[in-house]
């Protein structure tokens, strides 16, 4: 089967579900921050969440799958990937998705609502509910794809979308395995600041006052003020983890024009709802498998440890990578992303 024929088959096999929806403008050229693999076939797909927002994704299918198409009963295990928070699918999530496809999974890396090539207005908003729903919508898409075994579907959330992935697993038992890589708990950092630095009522009240004042100004102006992406240029006293973010998002290693972290960031009020909506409250009731992966030296490691403390059962694991930082799990520069470890979990617990 030719590559073009397989690509057409892939699109026919996975229902796009875009009737009566806005047609997204999807970039067709390869504009990822990682090289294209010769071991997988790539195509663009779209699907929608239950709020009617159309989401854009890159689909990766093992090229070896074409060799078995004479057996039309064969179905692949599938994984949906998203994150980091403020990134796009051309960065870390696409890299993860392509690698997992090389290991035998049908994968999609998607842009969350309001970001990247996905729909949703106004742009650069975030929501613990809608972004959790984005993962569940990805499972809708994969579960109804003729190429996928609906009983073997999992998700990977990176950075801030690690918390969203765990939240999705808590509400959607179709998700057989969840991997949270170098995760943030976005609700916790909104409430407490980094390392608990603003974990008091006065600090939270000051934040509420600032956000509400900005809402008034935005309404007057008819636009949403942007908060700015990763700070650039770096001040001399920037924390080391901010320097790491700069080295990824603001430099050729990870810069992408559609990434808010690389450019002008979220709307100032774009993350306001995280202050009131704790993401991980129901994590203790997840019955399916969860793997939390963190670097030993990651500033965010305490988020993963806090999330793991909420989990129950013997099918959960916290996997710490010696010497690795938060950003080391964004790309392959340090060569520490445990793809084989993740593949083992997906294969073992999707049986």
C-alpha atoms as a PDB file:
ATOM      1  CA  UNK A   1       0.000   0.000   0.000  1.00  0.00           C
ATOM      2  CA  UNK A   2       1.398   3.413  -0.916  1.00  0.00           C
ATOM      3  CA  UNK A   3       1.883   6.166   1.632  1.00  0.00           C
ATOM      4  CA  UNK A   4      -0.818   8.267  -0.068  1.00  0.00           C
ATOM      5  CA  UNK A   5      -3.254   5.369  -0.076  1.00  0.00           C
ATOM      6  CA  UNK A   6      -2.607   4.676   3.577  1.00  0.00           C
ATOM      7  CA  UNK A   7      -3.100   8.353   4.466  1.00  0.00           C
ATOM      8  CA  UNK A   8      -6.462   8.330   2.694  1.00  0.00           C
ATOM      9  CA  UNK A   9      -7.414   5.119   4.486  1.00  0.00           C
ATOM     10  CA  UNK A  10      -6.456   6.643   7.819  1.00  0.00           C
ATOM     11  CA  UNK A  11      -8.707   9.649   7.262  1.00  0.00           C
ATOM     12  CA  UNK A  12     -11.610   7.476   6.137  1.00  0.00           C
ATOM     13  CA  UNK A  13     -11.131   5.184   9.118  1.00  0.00           C
ATOM     14  CA  UNK A  14     -11.326   7.969  11.691  1.00  0.00           C
ATOM     15  CA  UNK A  15     -14.508  10.037  11.553  1.00  0.00           C
ATOM     16  CA  UNK A  16     -13.746  13.741  11.444  1.00  0.00           C
ATOM     17  CA  UNK A  17     -17.126  14.883  12.893  1.00  0.00           C
ATOM     18  CA  UNK A  18     -16.901  18.409  11.532  1.00  0.00           C
ATOM     19  CA  UNK A  19     -20.440  18.910  10.177  1.00  0.00           C
ATOM     20  CA  UNK A  20     -21.750  22.439  10.738  1.00  0.00           C
ATOM     21  CA  UNK A  21     -18.451  23.517  12.254  1.00  0.00           C
ATOM     22  CA  UNK A  22     -15.909  26.163  11.292  1.00  0.00           C
ATOM     23  CA  UNK A  23     -13.232  24.894   8.940  1.00  0.00           C
ATOM     24  CA  UNK A  24      -9.863  25.277  10.596  1.00  0.00           C
ATOM     25  CA  UNK A  25      -6.838  26.530   8.728  1.00  0.00           C
ATOM     26  CA  UNK A  26      -4.312  23.723   9.083  1.00  0.00           C
ATOM     27  CA  UNK A  27      -0.671  24.075   8.121  1.00  0.00           C
ATOM     28  CA  UNK A  28       0.288  21.302   5.731  1.00  0.00           C
ATOM     29  CA  UNK A  29       4.059  21.691   5.701  1.00  0.00           C
ATOM     30  CA  UNK A  30       6.192  20.029   8.353  1.00  0.00           C
ATOM     31  CA  UNK A  31       6.814  22.822  10.873  1.00  0.00           C
ATOM     32  CA  UNK A  32       7.578  20.729  13.961  1.00  0.00           C
ATOM     33  CA  UNK A  33      10.476  21.239  16.350  1.00  0.00           C
ATOM     34  CA  UNK A  34      11.648  17.689  15.707  1.00  0.00           C
ATOM     35  CA  UNK A  35      12.574  15.747  12.560  1.00  0.00           C
ATOM     36  CA  UNK A  36       9.979  13.686  10.747  1.00  0.00           C
ATOM     37  CA  UNK A  37      10.255   9.948  11.358  1.00  0.00           C
ATOM     38  CA  UNK A  38      10.382   7.548   8.439  1.00  0.00           C
ATOM     39  CA  UNK A  39       8.817   4.855  10.619  1.00  0.00           C
ATOM     40  CA  UNK A  40       5.388   6.493  10.862  1.00  0.00           C
ATOM     41  CA  UNK A  41       2.787   8.057   8.591  1.00  0.00           C
ATOM     42  CA  UNK A  42       1.570  11.534   9.483  1.00  0.00           C
ATOM     43  CA  UNK A  43      -1.701  13.298   8.679  1.00  0.00           C
ATOM     44  CA  UNK A  44      -3.813  16.185   9.965  1.00  0.00           C
ATOM     45  CA  UNK A  45      -7.147  15.405  11.614  1.00  0.00           C
ATOM     46  CA  UNK A  46      -9.838  17.373  13.430  1.00  0.00           C
ATOM     47  CA  UNK A  47     -12.473  16.502  16.013  1.00  0.00           C
ATOM     48  CA  UNK A  48     -14.755  18.444  18.328  1.00  0.00           C
ATOM     49  CA  UNK A  49     -15.403  18.549  22.052  1.00  0.00           C
ATOM     50  CA  UNK A  50     -18.825  18.630  23.674  1.00  0.00           C
ATOM     51  CA  UNK A  51     -18.757  22.422  23.768  1.00  0.00           C
ATOM     52  CA  UNK A  52     -18.648  22.452  19.965  1.00  0.00           C
ATOM     53  CA  UNK A  53     -15.032  23.605  19.738  1.00  0.00           C
ATOM     54  CA  UNK A  54     -13.166  22.044  16.835  1.00  0.00           C
ATOM     55  CA  UNK A  55      -9.712  20.759  17.721  1.00  0.00           C
ATOM     56  CA  UNK A  56      -6.759  20.269  15.401  1.00  0.00           C
ATOM     57  CA  UNK A  57      -4.417  17.332  15.754  1.00  0.00           C
ATOM     58  CA  UNK A  58      -1.527  15.548  14.099  1.00  0.00           C
ATOM     59  CA  UNK A  59      -2.101  11.816  13.714  1.00  0.00           C
ATOM     60  CA  UNK A  60       0.840   9.403  13.674  1.00  0.00           C
ATOM     61  CA  UNK A  61       0.361   5.797  12.541  1.00  0.00           C
ATOM     62  CA  UNK A  62       3.081   3.106  12.506  1.00  0.00           C
ATOM     63  CA  UNK A  63       4.129   2.588   8.891  1.00  0.00           C
ATOM     64  CA  UNK A  64       4.259  -1.143   9.542  1.00  0.00           C
ATOM     65  CA  UNK A  65       0.499  -1.044  10.070  1.00  0.00           C
ATOM     66  CA  UNK A  66       0.053  -0.778   6.281  1.00  0.00           C
ATOM     67  CA  UNK A  67       1.601  -4.220   5.873  1.00  0.00           C
ATOM     68  CA  UNK A  68      -1.260  -5.829   7.788  1.00  0.00           C
ATOM     69  CA  UNK A  69      -4.187  -4.127   6.073  1.00  0.00           C
ATOM     70  CA  UNK A  70      -5.248  -7.320   4.342  1.00  0.00           C
ATOM     71  CA  UNK A  71      -6.537  -8.258   7.797  1.00  0.00           C
ATOM     72  CA  UNK A  72      -9.237  -5.617   8.185  1.00  0.00           C
ATOM     73  CA  UNK A  73     -10.014  -6.756  11.732  1.00  0.00           C
ATOM     74  CA  UNK A  74      -6.691  -5.522  13.115  1.00  0.00           C
ATOM     75  CA  UNK A  75      -6.931  -2.553  15.464  1.00  0.00           C
ATOM     76  CA  UNK A  76      -4.195  -0.523  17.120  1.00  0.00           C
ATOM     77  CA  UNK A  77      -3.900   0.712  20.700  1.00  0.00           C
ATOM     78  CA  UNK A  78      -4.134   4.511  20.695  1.00  0.00           C
ATOM     79  CA  UNK A  79      -2.814   7.456  22.707  1.00  0.00           C
ATOM     80  CA  UNK A  80      -3.841  11.138  22.761  1.00  0.00           C
ATOM     81  CA  UNK A  81      -1.145  13.616  23.786  1.00  0.00           C
ATOM     82  CA  UNK A  82      -1.266  17.286  24.766  1.00  0.00           C
ATOM     83  CA  UNK A  83       0.809  19.897  26.574  1.00  0.00           C
ATOM     84  CA  UNK A  84       2.821  21.587  27.892  1.00  0.00           C
ATOM     85  CA  UNK A  85       0.630  24.435  29.153  1.00  0.00           C
ATOM     86  CA  UNK A  86       1.019  27.245  26.622  1.00  0.00           C
ATOM     87  CA  UNK A  87       2.714  25.043  24.012  1.00  0.00           C
ATOM     88  CA  UNK A  88       1.471  23.659  20.695  1.00  0.00           C
ATOM     89  CA  UNK A  89       1.444  20.230  19.098  1.00  0.00           C
ATOM     90  CA  UNK A  90       4.461  21.105  16.979  1.00  0.00           C
ATOM     91  CA  UNK A  91       6.566  21.068  20.156  1.00  0.00           C
ATOM     92  CA  UNK A  92       6.692  18.436  22.923  1.00  0.00           C
ATOM     93  CA  UNK A  93       3.341  16.700  22.436  1.00  0.00           C
ATOM     94  CA  UNK A  94       4.056  15.948  18.793  1.00  0.00           C
ATOM     95  CA  UNK A  95       7.469  14.590  19.683  1.00  0.00           C
ATOM     96  CA  UNK A  96       5.943  12.239  22.260  1.00  0.00           C
ATOM     97  CA  UNK A  97       3.199  11.199  19.835  1.00  0.00           C
ATOM     98  CA  UNK A  98       5.616  10.418  17.024  1.00  0.00           C
ATOM     99  CA  UNK A  99       7.875   8.359  19.293  1.00  0.00           C
ATOM    100  CA  UNK A 100       4.955   6.377  20.693  1.00  0.00           C
ATOM    101  CA  UNK A 101       3.770   5.693  17.131  1.00  0.00           C
ATOM    102  CA  UNK A 102       7.236   4.315  16.378  1.00  0.00           C
ATOM    103  CA  UNK A 103       6.596   1.913  19.277  1.00  0.00           C
ATOM    104  CA  UNK A 104       3.355   0.606  17.779  1.00  0.00           C
ATOM    105  CA  UNK A 105       0.566   2.967  18.841  1.00  0.00           C
ATOM    106  CA  UNK A 106      -1.763   5.102  16.770  1.00  0.00           C
ATOM    107  CA  UNK A 107      -1.323   8.532  18.321  1.00  0.00           C
ATOM    108  CA  UNK A 108      -2.659  12.051  18.047  1.00  0.00           C
ATOM    109  CA  UNK A 109      -1.062  15.221  19.377  1.00  0.00           C
ATOM    110  CA  UNK A 110      -3.686  17.952  19.670  1.00  0.00           C
ATOM    111  CA  UNK A 111      -3.827  21.665  20.331  1.00  0.00           C
ATOM    112  CA  UNK A 112      -6.165  22.416  23.255  1.00  0.00           C
ATOM    113  CA  UNK A 113      -9.168  24.702  22.833  1.00  0.00           C
ATOM    114  CA  UNK A 114      -8.346  28.376  22.174  1.00  0.00           C
ATOM    115  CA  UNK A 115      -4.724  27.621  21.209  1.00  0.00           C
ATOM    116  CA  UNK A 116      -2.586  26.750  18.212  1.00  0.00           C
ATOM    117  CA  UNK A 117      -4.549  25.579  15.176  1.00  0.00           C
ATOM    118  CA  UNK A 118      -7.601  24.579  17.243  1.00  0.00           C
ATOM    119  CA  UNK A 119     -10.785  26.606  17.411  1.00  0.00           C
ATOM    120  CA  UNK A 120     -12.342  28.546  20.262  1.00  0.00           C
ATOM    121  CA  UNK A 121     -12.735  32.257  20.880  1.00  0.00           C
ATOM    122  CA  UNK A 122     -11.340  34.371  22.360  1.00  0.00           C
ATOM    123  CA  UNK A 123      -7.860  33.078  21.774  1.00  0.00           C
ATOM    124  CA  UNK A 124      -5.376  32.166  24.508  1.00  0.00           C
ATOM    125  CA  UNK A 125      -7.908  31.243  27.164  1.00  0.00           C
ATOM    126  CA  UNK A 126      -7.589  28.232  29.480  1.00  0.00           C
ATOM    127  CA  UNK A 127     -10.160  26.328  31.495  1.00  0.00           C
ATOM    128  CA  UNK A 128      -9.770  23.379  33.872  1.00  0.00           C
ATOM    129  CA  UNK A 129     -13.134  22.086  32.634  1.00  0.00           C
ATOM    130  CA  UNK A 130     -12.806  22.675  28.891  1.00  0.00           C
ATOM    131  CA  UNK A 131      -9.175  21.555  28.728  1.00  0.00           C
ATOM    132  CA  UNK A 132     -10.043  18.382  30.637  1.00  0.00           C
ATOM    133  CA  UNK A 133     -12.907  17.901  28.184  1.00  0.00           C
ATOM    134  CA  UNK A 134     -10.411  18.250  25.326  1.00  0.00           C
ATOM    135  CA  UNK A 135      -8.781  14.998  26.462  1.00  0.00           C
ATOM    136  CA  UNK A 136     -12.157  13.258  26.725  1.00  0.00           C
ATOM    137  CA  UNK A 137     -13.059  14.517  23.246  1.00  0.00           C
ATOM    138  CA  UNK A 138      -9.808  13.063  21.930  1.00  0.00           C
ATOM    139  CA  UNK A 139     -10.903   9.749  23.435  1.00  0.00           C
ATOM    140  CA  UNK A 140     -14.270  10.129  21.656  1.00  0.00           C
ATOM    141  CA  UNK A 141     -12.411  10.521  18.377  1.00  0.00           C
ATOM    142  CA  UNK A 142     -10.041   7.617  18.952  1.00  0.00           C
ATOM    143  CA  UNK A 143     -12.735   5.290  20.319  1.00  0.00           C
ATOM    144  CA  UNK A 144     -14.796   5.687  17.144  1.00  0.00           C
ATOM    145  CA  UNK A 145     -11.874   5.341  14.738  1.00  0.00           C
ATOM    146  CA  UNK A 146     -11.986   2.109  12.713  1.00  0.00           C
ATOM    147  CA  UNK A 147      -8.212   1.784  13.055  1.00  0.00           C
ATOM    148  CA  UNK A 148      -8.318   1.780  16.870  1.00  0.00           C
ATOM    149  CA  UNK A 149      -9.225  -0.811  19.474  1.00  0.00           C
ATOM    150  CA  UNK A 150     -11.606   1.244  21.684  1.00  0.00           C
ATOM    151  CA  UNK A 151     -10.710  -0.899  24.684  1.00  0.00           C
ATOM    152  CA  UNK A 152      -7.056   0.173  24.433  1.00  0.00           C
ATOM    153  CA  UNK A 153      -7.004   3.955  24.587  1.00  0.00           C
ATOM    154  CA  UNK A 154      -4.738   6.046  26.809  1.00  0.00           C
ATOM    155  CA  UNK A 155      -3.513   9.618  27.197  1.00  0.00           C
ATOM    156  CA  UNK A 156      -0.300  11.527  27.899  1.00  0.00           C
ATOM    157  CA  UNK A 157      -0.370  14.983  29.475  1.00  0.00           C
ATOM    158  CA  UNK A 158       2.829  17.029  29.613  1.00  0.00           C
ATOM    159  CA  UNK A 159       3.540  19.811  32.145  1.00  0.00           C
ATOM    160  CA  UNK A 160       0.261  21.644  32.941  1.00  0.00           C
ATOM    161  CA  UNK A 161      -1.667  19.160  30.839  1.00  0.00           C
ATOM    162  CA  UNK A 162      -0.398  16.389  33.098  1.00  0.00           C
ATOM    163  CA  UNK A 163      -2.827  17.659  35.725  1.00  0.00           C
ATOM    164  CA  UNK A 164      -5.570  17.921  33.118  1.00  0.00           C
ATOM    165  CA  UNK A 165      -4.849  14.336  32.035  1.00  0.00           C
ATOM    166  CA  UNK A 166      -5.213  13.032  35.587  1.00  0.00           C
ATOM    167  CA  UNK A 167      -8.444  15.006  35.921  1.00  0.00           C
ATOM    168  CA  UNK A 168      -9.704  13.436  32.686  1.00  0.00           C
ATOM    169  CA  UNK A 169      -8.847   9.962  33.959  1.00  0.00           C
ATOM    170  CA  UNK A 170     -10.850  10.680  37.109  1.00  0.00           C
ATOM    171  CA  UNK A 171     -13.988  11.330  35.061  1.00  0.00           C
ATOM    172  CA  UNK A 172     -13.546   9.019  32.067  1.00  0.00           C
ATOM    173  CA  UNK A 173     -12.909   5.286  32.681  1.00  0.00           C
ATOM    174  CA  UNK A 174     -12.475   4.727  28.934  1.00  0.00           C
ATOM    175  CA  UNK A 175      -8.939   6.034  29.541  1.00  0.00           C
ATOM    176  CA  UNK A 176      -7.144   2.800  30.386  1.00  0.00           C
ATOM    177  CA  UNK A 177      -3.701   4.325  31.051  1.00  0.00           C
ATOM    178  CA  UNK A 178      -2.725   7.903  31.904  1.00  0.00           C
ATOM    179  CA  UNK A 179       0.821   9.230  31.807  1.00  0.00           C
ATOM    180  CA  UNK A 180       1.569  12.614  33.383  1.00  0.00           C
ATOM    181  CA  UNK A 181       5.047  13.776  32.358  1.00  0.00           C
ATOM    182  CA  UNK A 182       6.886  16.559  34.227  1.00  0.00           C
ATOM    183  CA  UNK A 183       3.444  17.606  35.450  1.00  0.00           C
ATOM    184  CA  UNK A 184       2.106  20.802  36.964  1.00  0.00           C
ATOM    185  CA  UNK A 185      -1.016  21.038  39.080  1.00  0.00           C
ATOM    186  CA  UNK A 186      -2.266  24.301  37.574  1.00  0.00           C
ATOM    187  CA  UNK A 187      -4.876  24.784  40.297  1.00  0.00           C
ATOM    188  CA  UNK A 188      -2.312  24.410  43.042  1.00  0.00           C
ATOM    189  CA  UNK A 189       0.154  26.851  41.506  1.00  0.00           C
ATOM    190  CA  UNK A 190      -2.693  29.357  40.998  1.00  0.00           C
ATOM    191  CA  UNK A 191      -3.740  29.063  44.646  1.00  0.00           C
ATOM    192  CA  UNK A 192      -0.330  28.812  46.273  1.00  0.00           C
ATOM    193  CA  UNK A 193       2.230  30.265  43.888  1.00  0.00           C
ATOM    194  CA  UNK A 194       5.509  28.439  43.352  1.00  0.00           C
ATOM    195  CA  UNK A 195       6.637  26.453  46.395  1.00  0.00           C
ATOM    196  CA  UNK A 196       3.749  27.900  48.455  1.00  0.00           C
ATOM    197  CA  UNK A 197       5.133  31.436  48.183  1.00  0.00           C
ATOM    198  CA  UNK A 198       1.653  33.051  47.976  1.00  0.00           C
ATOM    199  CA  UNK A 199      -0.384  30.481  49.872  1.00  0.00           C
ATOM    200  CA  UNK A 200      -2.430  32.896  51.967  1.00  0.00           C
ATOM    201  CA  UNK A 201      -5.772  34.665  51.715  1.00  0.00           C
ATOM    202  CA  UNK A 202      -4.296  38.147  51.286  1.00  0.00           C
ATOM    203  CA  UNK A 203      -2.226  37.130  48.288  1.00  0.00           C
ATOM    204  CA  UNK A 204      -5.183  35.373  46.700  1.00  0.00           C
ATOM    205  CA  UNK A 205      -7.394  38.398  47.319  1.00  0.00           C
ATOM    206  CA  UNK A 206      -4.815  40.672  45.675  1.00  0.00           C
ATOM    207  CA  UNK A 207      -4.817  38.354  42.654  1.00  0.00           C
ATOM    208  CA  UNK A 208      -8.627  38.443  42.474  1.00  0.00           C
ATOM    209  CA  UNK A 209      -8.591  42.253  42.605  1.00  0.00           C
ATOM    210  CA  UNK A 210      -6.001  42.422  39.807  1.00  0.00           C
ATOM    211  CA  UNK A 211      -7.889  39.981  37.604  1.00  0.00           C
ATOM    212  CA  UNK A 212     -11.267  41.642  38.132  1.00  0.00           C
ATOM    213  CA  UNK A 213      -9.786  45.069  37.358  1.00  0.00           C
ATOM    214  CA  UNK A 214      -8.286  43.667  34.169  1.00  0.00           C
ATOM    215  CA  UNK A 215     -11.673  42.248  33.176  1.00  0.00           C
ATOM    216  CA  UNK A 216     -13.118  45.763  33.359  1.00  0.00           C
ATOM    217  CA  UNK A 217     -10.315  47.166  31.212  1.00  0.00           C
ATOM    218  CA  UNK A 218     -10.649  44.351  28.685  1.00  0.00           C
ATOM    219  CA  UNK A 219     -14.386  44.919  28.378  1.00  0.00           C
ATOM    220  CA  UNK A 220     -13.872  48.639  27.853  1.00  0.00           C
ATOM    221  CA  UNK A 221     -11.253  48.133  25.183  1.00  0.00           C
ATOM    222  CA  UNK A 222     -12.954  45.201  23.465  1.00  0.00           C
ATOM    223  CA  UNK A 223      -9.718  43.235  23.491  1.00  0.00           C
ATOM    224  CA  UNK A 224      -7.933  40.880  25.867  1.00  0.00           C
ATOM    225  CA  UNK A 225      -4.571  42.033  27.154  1.00  0.00           C
ATOM    226  CA  UNK A 226      -1.870  39.390  26.834  1.00  0.00           C
ATOM    227  CA  UNK A 227       0.313  38.470  29.772  1.00  0.00           C
ATOM    228  CA  UNK A 228       3.427  37.874  27.696  1.00  0.00           C
ATOM    229  CA  UNK A 229       5.120  34.521  27.160  1.00  0.00           C
ATOM    230  CA  UNK A 230       8.352  33.413  28.775  1.00  0.00           C
ATOM    231  CA  UNK A 231      10.178  36.544  29.914  1.00  0.00           C
ATOM    232  CA  UNK A 232      12.675  37.861  27.374  1.00  0.00           C
ATOM    233  CA  UNK A 233      15.293  39.166  27.823  1.00  0.00           C
ATOM    234  CA  UNK A 234      16.039  37.313  31.031  1.00  0.00           C
ATOM    235  CA  UNK A 235      16.739  39.427  34.113  1.00  0.00           C
ATOM    236  CA  UNK A 236      19.962  38.650  35.957  1.00  0.00           C
ATOM    237  CA  UNK A 237      18.055  37.320  38.970  1.00  0.00           C
ATOM    238  CA  UNK A 238      15.743  34.999  37.017  1.00  0.00           C
ATOM    239  CA  UNK A 239      15.186  31.658  38.811  1.00  0.00           C
ATOM    240  CA  UNK A 240      17.050  28.777  37.217  1.00  0.00           C
ATOM    241  CA  UNK A 241      13.864  27.101  36.037  1.00  0.00           C
ATOM    242  CA  UNK A 242      12.807  30.302  34.230  1.00  0.00           C
ATOM    243  CA  UNK A 243      16.181  30.226  32.480  1.00  0.00           C
ATOM    244  CA  UNK A 244      15.364  26.657  31.435  1.00  0.00           C
ATOM    245  CA  UNK A 245      12.015  27.782  30.015  1.00  0.00           C
ATOM    246  CA  UNK A 246      13.784  30.547  28.099  1.00  0.00           C
ATOM    247  CA  UNK A 247      16.311  28.083  26.688  1.00  0.00           C
ATOM    248  CA  UNK A 248      13.438  26.048  25.257  1.00  0.00           C
ATOM    249  CA  UNK A 249      10.650  28.428  24.272  1.00  0.00           C
ATOM    250  CA  UNK A 250      12.647  31.498  23.256  1.00  0.00           C
ATOM    251  CA  UNK A 251      15.520  29.783  21.466  1.00  0.00           C
ATOM    252  CA  UNK A 252      15.685  27.688  18.270  1.00  0.00           C
ATOM    253  CA  UNK A 253      15.492  24.519  20.358  1.00  0.00           C
ATOM    254  CA  UNK A 254      11.762  24.989  20.982  1.00  0.00           C
ATOM    255  CA  UNK A 255      10.533  28.344  19.626  1.00  0.00           C
ATOM    256  CA  UNK A 256       7.326  28.142  17.601  1.00  0.00           C
ATOM    257  CA  UNK A 257       5.329  31.081  16.297  1.00  0.00           C
ATOM    258  CA  UNK A 258       1.975  29.587  17.389  1.00  0.00           C
ATOM    259  CA  UNK A 259       3.143  28.842  20.922  1.00  0.00           C
ATOM    260  CA  UNK A 260       1.976  31.379  23.493  1.00  0.00           C
ATOM    261  CA  UNK A 261       4.989  30.612  25.664  1.00  0.00           C
ATOM    262  CA  UNK A 262       7.251  31.502  22.751  1.00  0.00           C
ATOM    263  CA  UNK A 263       5.337  34.678  21.863  1.00  0.00           C
ATOM    264  CA  UNK A 264       2.859  36.858  23.783  1.00  0.00           C
ATOM    265  CA  UNK A 265       1.428  34.357  26.235  1.00  0.00           C
ATOM    266  CA  UNK A 266      -2.033  33.784  27.678  1.00  0.00           C
ATOM    267  CA  UNK A 267      -4.601  36.498  28.113  1.00  0.00           C
ATOM    268  CA  UNK A 268      -3.980  38.165  31.497  1.00  0.00           C
ATOM    269  CA  UNK A 269      -7.339  36.787  32.697  1.00  0.00           C
ATOM    270  CA  UNK A 270      -6.956  33.567  30.714  1.00  0.00           C
ATOM    271  CA  UNK A 271      -6.203  31.307  33.686  1.00  0.00           C
ATOM    272  CA  UNK A 272      -8.452  32.953  36.268  1.00  0.00           C
ATOM    273  CA  UNK A 273     -10.735  29.945  36.840  1.00  0.00           C
ATOM    274  CA  UNK A 274      -7.920  27.724  38.104  1.00  0.00           C
ATOM    275  CA  UNK A 275      -7.925  29.666  41.377  1.00  0.00           C
ATOM    276  CA  UNK A 276     -11.341  28.255  42.340  1.00  0.00           C
ATOM    277  CA  UNK A 277     -11.342  24.826  40.705  1.00  0.00           C
ATOM    278  CA  UNK A 278      -8.974  22.231  42.173  1.00  0.00           C
ATOM    279  CA  UNK A 279      -8.119  19.777  39.420  1.00  0.00           C
ATOM    280  CA  UNK A 280      -7.110  16.714  41.400  1.00  0.00           C
ATOM    281  CA  UNK A 281      -9.846  16.388  44.014  1.00  0.00           C
ATOM    282  CA  UNK A 282     -11.174  13.112  42.574  1.00  0.00           C
ATOM    283  CA  UNK A 283      -7.814  11.604  41.631  1.00  0.00           C
ATOM    284  CA  UNK A 284      -8.108   9.102  44.484  1.00  0.00           C
ATOM    285  CA  UNK A 285     -11.016   7.417  42.689  1.00  0.00           C
ATOM    286  CA  UNK A 286      -9.121   6.639  39.468  1.00  0.00           C
ATOM    287  CA  UNK A 287      -9.256   2.865  39.069  1.00  0.00           C
ATOM    288  CA  UNK A 288      -7.228   2.617  35.874  1.00  0.00           C
ATOM    289  CA  UNK A 289      -3.471   2.907  35.586  1.00  0.00           C
ATOM    290  CA  UNK A 290      -1.540   6.138  36.145  1.00  0.00           C
ATOM    291  CA  UNK A 291       2.188   6.689  35.594  1.00  0.00           C
ATOM    292  CA  UNK A 292       3.680   9.988  36.798  1.00  0.00           C
ATOM    293  CA  UNK A 293       7.118  10.761  35.376  1.00  0.00           C
ATOM    294  CA  UNK A 294       9.345  13.489  36.801  1.00  0.00           C
ATOM    295  CA  UNK A 295      12.926  14.591  36.736  1.00  0.00           C
ATOM    296  CA  UNK A 296      14.828  14.342  40.012  1.00  0.00           C
ATOM    297  CA  UNK A 297      15.877  18.007  39.768  1.00  0.00           C
ATOM    298  CA  UNK A 298      12.628  19.370  38.322  1.00  0.00           C
ATOM    299  CA  UNK A 299      11.292  22.416  40.163  1.00  0.00           C
ATOM    300  CA  UNK A 300       7.832  20.946  39.496  1.00  0.00           C
ATOM    301  CA  UNK A 301       8.572  17.576  41.061  1.00  0.00           C
ATOM    302  CA  UNK A 302       6.489  18.388  44.133  1.00  0.00           C
ATOM    303  CA  UNK A 303       3.369  18.683  41.942  1.00  0.00           C
ATOM    304  CA  UNK A 304       3.850  15.111  40.749  1.00  0.00           C
ATOM    305  CA  UNK A 305       4.551  13.862  44.252  1.00  0.00           C
ATOM    306  CA  UNK A 306       1.436  15.634  45.515  1.00  0.00           C
ATOM    307  CA  UNK A 307      -0.674  14.105  42.765  1.00  0.00           C
ATOM    308  CA  UNK A 308       0.767  10.643  43.381  1.00  0.00           C
ATOM    309  CA  UNK A 309      -0.096  10.892  47.082  1.00  0.00           C
ATOM    310  CA  UNK A 310      -3.759  11.162  46.099  1.00  0.00           C
ATOM    311  CA  UNK A 311      -3.748   8.020  43.960  1.00  0.00           C
ATOM    312  CA  UNK A 312      -4.741   4.600  45.255  1.00  0.00           C
ATOM    313  CA  UNK A 313      -4.175   1.062  44.088  1.00  0.00           C
ATOM    314  CA  UNK A 314      -1.209  -1.006  42.983  1.00  0.00           C
ATOM    315  CA  UNK A 315      -1.423   0.052  39.325  1.00  0.00           C
ATOM    316  CA  UNK A 316       0.014   3.536  39.984  1.00  0.00           C
ATOM    317  CA  UNK A 317       3.685   4.539  39.832  1.00  0.00           C
ATOM    318  CA  UNK A 318       5.814   7.622  40.399  1.00  0.00           C
ATOM    319  CA  UNK A 319       8.908   7.315  38.217  1.00  0.00           C
ATOM    320  CA  UNK A 320      11.781   9.700  38.996  1.00  0.00           C
ATOM    321  CA  UNK A 321      14.529  10.200  36.388  1.00  0.00           C
ATOM    322  CA  UNK A 322      17.913  10.784  38.049  1.00  0.00           C
ATOM    323  CA  UNK A 323      19.476  14.166  37.357  1.00  0.00           C
ATOM    324  CA  UNK A 324      16.721  15.372  35.016  1.00  0.00           C
ATOM    325  CA  UNK A 325      15.148  18.836  35.132  1.00  0.00           C
ATOM    326  CA  UNK A 326      11.619  19.897  34.195  1.00  0.00           C
ATOM    327  CA  UNK A 327      12.587  20.940  30.659  1.00  0.00           C
ATOM    328  CA  UNK A 328      14.623  17.774  30.060  1.00  0.00           C
ATOM    329  CA  UNK A 329      11.296  15.987  29.551  1.00  0.00           C
ATOM    330  CA  UNK A 330      10.175  18.458  26.865  1.00  0.00           C
ATOM    331  CA  UNK A 331      12.430  17.135  24.121  1.00  0.00           C
ATOM    332  CA  UNK A 332      15.193  14.671  23.365  1.00  0.00           C
ATOM    333  CA  UNK A 333      18.111  17.024  23.954  1.00  0.00           C
ATOM    334  CA  UNK A 334      19.019  15.267  27.215  1.00  0.00           C
ATOM    335  CA  UNK A 335      17.884  11.858  25.960  1.00  0.00           C
ATOM    336  CA  UNK A 336      15.976  11.010  29.154  1.00  0.00           C
ATOM    337  CA  UNK A 337      12.307  10.759  28.100  1.00  0.00           C
ATOM    338  CA  UNK A 338      11.356   7.183  29.080  1.00  0.00           C
ATOM    339  CA  UNK A 339       9.426   6.153  25.971  1.00  0.00           C
ATOM    340  CA  UNK A 340      10.038   2.444  26.546  1.00  0.00           C
ATOM    341  CA  UNK A 341       8.818   2.735  30.139  1.00  0.00           C
ATOM    342  CA  UNK A 342       5.637   4.453  28.964  1.00  0.00           C
ATOM    343  CA  UNK A 343       5.130   1.904  26.188  1.00  0.00           C
ATOM    344  CA  UNK A 344       5.415  -0.910  28.726  1.00  0.00           C
ATOM    345  CA  UNK A 345       2.684   0.675  30.869  1.00  0.00           C
ATOM    346  CA  UNK A 346       0.366   1.196  27.923  1.00  0.00           C
ATOM    347  CA  UNK A 347       0.865  -2.335  26.622  1.00  0.00           C
ATOM    348  CA  UNK A 348       0.668  -3.994  30.023  1.00  0.00           C
ATOM    349  CA  UNK A 349      -2.449  -2.241  31.276  1.00  0.00           C
ATOM    350  CA  UNK A 350      -4.351  -1.946  28.008  1.00  0.00           C
ATOM    351  CA  UNK A 351      -4.633  -5.736  27.699  1.00  0.00           C
END
